[in-house]
Amino acid sequence: MNTEIKILHSSCCATGSPIKAHIEKIASENNISIIIEELSELQDTMVYGTMVFPSIVVNGKVYDFKKYSAAENLISILKL
């Protein structure tokens, strides 16, 4: 089963972000199958009700990426 992830960026920070690579690396190292989509347009990110960027949406639940960027924290939400 794939874990669906959306990375929510503010429009000024969407290009060249290392977040996608970071998540892919951790998922790969822990044999977690993921699908990632990056969103940076205001109308796309506002659907999730957050003004905190970057945020990640994992299987429909929004997380502040800054609080979950450490590998052990990220693994805990990717395995939910």
N, C-alpha and C. Protein backbone atom coordinates (compact mmCIF):
# COMPACT_ATOMS: atom_id res chain seq x y z
N MET A 1 0.84 -1.19 0.00
CA MET A 1 0.00 0.00 0.00
C MET A 1 0.88 1.24 0.00
N ASN A 2 0.55 2.19 -0.85
CA ASN A 2 1.32 3.42 -0.95
C ASN A 2 0.83 4.45 0.06
N THR A 3 1.77 5.16 0.66
CA THR A 3 1.46 6.28 1.52
C THR A 3 1.41 7.52 0.63
N GLU A 4 0.29 8.22 0.64
CA GLU A 4 0.15 9.41 -0.19
C GLU A 4 0.62 10.64 0.58
N ILE A 5 1.53 11.38 -0.04
CA ILE A 5 2.11 12.57 0.59
C ILE A 5 1.95 13.76 -0.34
N LYS A 6 1.52 14.86 0.22
CA LYS A 6 1.51 16.12 -0.50
C LYS A 6 2.40 17.08 0.27
N ILE A 7 3.30 17.71 -0.44
CA ILE A 7 4.17 18.71 0.18
C ILE A 7 3.58 20.07 -0.16
N LEU A 8 3.26 20.83 0.88
CA LEU A 8 2.67 22.16 0.70
C LEU A 8 3.75 23.21 0.91
N HIS A 9 4.01 23.97 -0.14
CA HIS A 9 5.01 25.04 -0.10
C HIS A 9 4.32 26.38 -0.29
N SER A 10 4.95 27.44 0.17
CA SER A 10 4.51 28.75 -0.28
C SER A 10 5.09 28.91 -1.68
N SER A 11 4.46 29.70 -2.51
CA SER A 11 4.85 29.77 -3.92
C SER A 11 6.29 30.22 -4.15
N CYS A 12 6.84 31.00 -3.24
CA CYS A 12 8.20 31.50 -3.43
C CYS A 12 9.26 30.43 -3.13
N CYS A 13 8.89 29.36 -2.44
CA CYS A 13 9.87 28.38 -1.98
C CYS A 13 9.72 27.01 -2.63
N ALA A 14 8.88 26.90 -3.64
CA ALA A 14 8.56 25.58 -4.19
C ALA A 14 9.67 24.98 -5.04
N THR A 15 10.42 25.79 -5.73
CA THR A 15 11.42 25.23 -6.63
C THR A 15 12.72 24.95 -5.89
N GLY A 16 13.28 23.80 -6.16
CA GLY A 16 14.57 23.44 -5.58
C GLY A 16 14.51 23.05 -4.12
N SER A 17 13.33 22.73 -3.61
CA SER A 17 13.20 22.34 -2.21
C SER A 17 13.77 20.95 -1.99
N PRO A 18 14.54 20.77 -0.93
CA PRO A 18 15.11 19.44 -0.65
C PRO A 18 14.14 18.51 0.09
N ILE A 19 12.94 18.98 0.39
CA ILE A 19 12.00 18.19 1.19
C ILE A 19 11.62 16.89 0.49
N LYS A 20 11.32 16.94 -0.79
CA LYS A 20 10.91 15.74 -1.52
C LYS A 20 12.01 14.68 -1.46
N ALA A 21 13.24 15.08 -1.74
CA ALA A 21 14.36 14.14 -1.71
C ALA A 21 14.57 13.56 -0.31
N HIS A 22 14.40 14.38 0.70
CA HIS A 22 14.54 13.95 2.09
C HIS A 22 13.50 12.87 2.43
N ILE A 23 12.26 13.11 2.06
CA ILE A 23 11.19 12.16 2.33
C ILE A 23 11.42 10.87 1.54
N GLU A 24 11.79 11.00 0.26
CA GLU A 24 12.03 9.82 -0.56
C GLU A 24 13.16 8.97 0.00
N LYS A 25 14.21 9.60 0.48
CA LYS A 25 15.35 8.87 1.05
C LYS A 25 14.94 8.09 2.29
N ILE A 26 14.24 8.74 3.19
CA ILE A 26 13.82 8.08 4.44
C ILE A 26 12.84 6.95 4.14
N ALA A 27 11.91 7.18 3.23
CA ALA A 27 10.95 6.13 2.86
C ALA A 27 11.67 4.93 2.24
N SER A 28 12.60 5.19 1.36
CA SER A 28 13.35 4.12 0.71
C SER A 28 14.16 3.31 1.71
N GLU A 29 14.82 3.98 2.62
CA GLU A 29 15.64 3.31 3.63
C GLU A 29 14.80 2.44 4.58
N ASN A 30 13.50 2.75 4.67
CA ASN A 30 12.62 2.03 5.59
C ASN A 30 11.56 1.20 4.86
N ASN A 31 11.78 0.98 3.57
CA ASN A 31 10.88 0.16 2.75
C ASN A 31 9.42 0.60 2.83
N ILE A 32 9.21 1.91 2.76
CA ILE A 32 7.87 2.48 2.78
C ILE A 32 7.57 2.98 1.37
N SER A 33 6.51 2.48 0.79
CA SER A 33 6.12 2.86 -0.56
C SER A 33 5.32 4.16 -0.50
N ILE A 34 5.77 5.17 -1.26
CA ILE A 34 5.13 6.49 -1.20
C ILE A 34 4.80 7.02 -2.58
N ILE A 35 3.85 7.92 -2.61
CA ILE A 35 3.53 8.73 -3.79
C ILE A 35 3.56 10.18 -3.31
N ILE A 36 4.38 11.01 -3.96
CA ILE A 36 4.52 12.41 -3.53
C ILE A 36 4.01 13.36 -4.61
N GLU A 37 3.27 14.36 -4.15
CA GLU A 37 2.82 15.45 -5.01
C GLU A 37 3.20 16.75 -4.31
N GLU A 38 3.76 17.69 -5.06
CA GLU A 38 4.14 18.99 -4.49
C GLU A 38 3.14 20.05 -4.94
N LEU A 39 2.64 20.82 -3.98
CA LEU A 39 1.67 21.88 -4.26
C LEU A 39 2.22 23.21 -3.77
N SER A 40 2.12 24.23 -4.62
CA SER A 40 2.60 25.54 -4.20
C SER A 40 1.63 26.67 -4.55
N GLU A 41 0.62 26.38 -5.33
CA GLU A 41 -0.36 27.41 -5.67
C GLU A 41 -1.29 27.62 -4.48
N LEU A 42 -1.56 28.87 -4.16
CA LEU A 42 -2.37 29.23 -3.00
C LEU A 42 -3.70 28.49 -2.96
N GLN A 43 -4.39 28.42 -4.09
CA GLN A 43 -5.70 27.76 -4.10
C GLN A 43 -5.58 26.27 -3.81
N ASP A 44 -4.44 25.65 -4.12
CA ASP A 44 -4.23 24.23 -3.84
C ASP A 44 -3.86 23.98 -2.38
N THR A 45 -3.04 24.85 -1.82
CA THR A 45 -2.58 24.65 -0.44
C THR A 45 -3.64 25.03 0.58
N MET A 46 -4.47 26.02 0.28
CA MET A 46 -5.47 26.50 1.23
C MET A 46 -6.56 25.46 1.51
N VAL A 47 -6.74 24.52 0.60
CA VAL A 47 -7.71 23.45 0.79
C VAL A 47 -7.43 22.69 2.10
N TYR A 48 -6.18 22.67 2.51
CA TYR A 48 -5.77 21.90 3.69
C TYR A 48 -5.83 22.71 4.99
N GLY A 49 -6.22 23.99 4.91
CA GLY A 49 -6.46 24.79 6.10
C GLY A 49 -5.24 25.14 6.92
N THR A 50 -4.08 25.19 6.31
CA THR A 50 -2.88 25.55 7.05
C THR A 50 -2.24 26.80 6.46
N MET A 51 -1.64 27.58 7.32
CA MET A 51 -0.85 28.73 6.88
C MET A 51 0.61 28.52 7.24
N VAL A 52 0.94 27.31 7.68
CA VAL A 52 2.30 26.96 8.07
C VAL A 52 2.96 26.26 6.89
N PHE A 53 4.06 26.82 6.41
CA PHE A 53 4.79 26.23 5.28
C PHE A 53 6.25 26.07 5.65
N PRO A 54 6.87 25.00 5.26
CA PRO A 54 6.28 23.88 4.53
C PRO A 54 5.50 22.97 5.47
N SER A 55 4.45 22.39 4.92
CA SER A 55 3.67 21.37 5.61
C SER A 55 3.62 20.14 4.72
N ILE A 56 3.34 19.01 5.33
CA ILE A 56 3.13 17.81 4.54
C ILE A 56 1.78 17.22 4.92
N VAL A 57 1.13 16.66 3.92
CA VAL A 57 -0.13 15.98 4.13
C VAL A 57 0.14 14.51 3.90
N VAL A 58 -0.06 13.70 4.93
CA VAL A 58 0.18 12.27 4.83
C VAL A 58 -1.16 11.57 4.98
N ASN A 59 -1.58 10.93 3.89
CA ASN A 59 -2.88 10.23 3.87
C ASN A 59 -4.01 11.12 4.40
N GLY A 60 -3.99 12.40 3.99
CA GLY A 60 -5.06 13.32 4.32
C GLY A 60 -4.90 14.12 5.60
N LYS A 61 -3.88 13.84 6.41
CA LYS A 61 -3.67 14.58 7.65
C LYS A 61 -2.48 15.53 7.50
N VAL A 62 -2.66 16.79 7.95
CA VAL A 62 -1.64 17.83 7.78
C VAL A 62 -0.68 17.84 8.96
N TYR A 63 0.63 17.94 8.64
CA TYR A 63 1.69 18.02 9.65
C TYR A 63 2.61 19.19 9.30
N ASP A 64 3.09 19.88 10.32
CA ASP A 64 4.10 20.92 10.15
C ASP A 64 5.43 20.21 9.87
N PHE A 65 5.96 20.37 8.68
CA PHE A 65 7.17 19.63 8.30
C PHE A 65 8.33 19.92 9.25
N LYS A 66 8.43 21.14 9.75
CA LYS A 66 9.55 21.48 10.65
C LYS A 66 9.54 20.61 11.90
N LYS A 67 8.36 20.21 12.35
CA LYS A 67 8.25 19.38 13.55
C LYS A 67 8.48 17.90 13.27
N TYR A 68 8.37 17.50 12.00
CA TYR A 68 8.48 16.10 11.63
C TYR A 68 9.63 15.81 10.67
N SER A 69 10.55 16.74 10.52
CA SER A 69 11.62 16.54 9.54
C SER A 69 12.68 15.54 9.98
N ALA A 70 12.83 15.33 11.29
CA ALA A 70 13.80 14.33 11.77
C ALA A 70 13.33 12.95 11.33
N ALA A 71 14.27 12.10 10.98
CA ALA A 71 13.94 10.79 10.42
C ALA A 71 12.96 10.00 11.27
N GLU A 72 13.21 9.90 12.57
CA GLU A 72 12.34 9.09 13.41
C GLU A 72 10.92 9.64 13.48
N ASN A 73 10.77 10.96 13.46
CA ASN A 73 9.45 11.57 13.47
C ASN A 73 8.73 11.34 12.14
N LEU A 74 9.46 11.48 11.06
CA LEU A 74 8.90 11.29 9.74
C LEU A 74 8.45 9.84 9.53
N ILE A 75 9.27 8.90 9.96
CA ILE A 75 8.93 7.49 9.85
C ILE A 75 7.64 7.19 10.61
N SER A 76 7.49 7.79 11.78
CA SER A 76 6.30 7.52 12.59
C SER A 76 5.01 7.91 11.88
N ILE A 77 5.02 8.98 11.10
CA ILE A 77 3.78 9.36 10.40
C ILE A 77 3.65 8.67 9.05
N LEU A 78 4.76 8.28 8.44
CA LEU A 78 4.68 7.57 7.16
C LEU A 78 4.14 6.16 7.34
N LYS A 79 4.31 5.59 8.50
CA LYS A 79 3.85 4.22 8.74
C LYS A 79 2.42 4.14 9.26
N LEU A 80 1.78 5.29 9.46
CA LEU A 80 0.39 5.28 9.97
C LEU A 80 -0.55 4.68 8.95
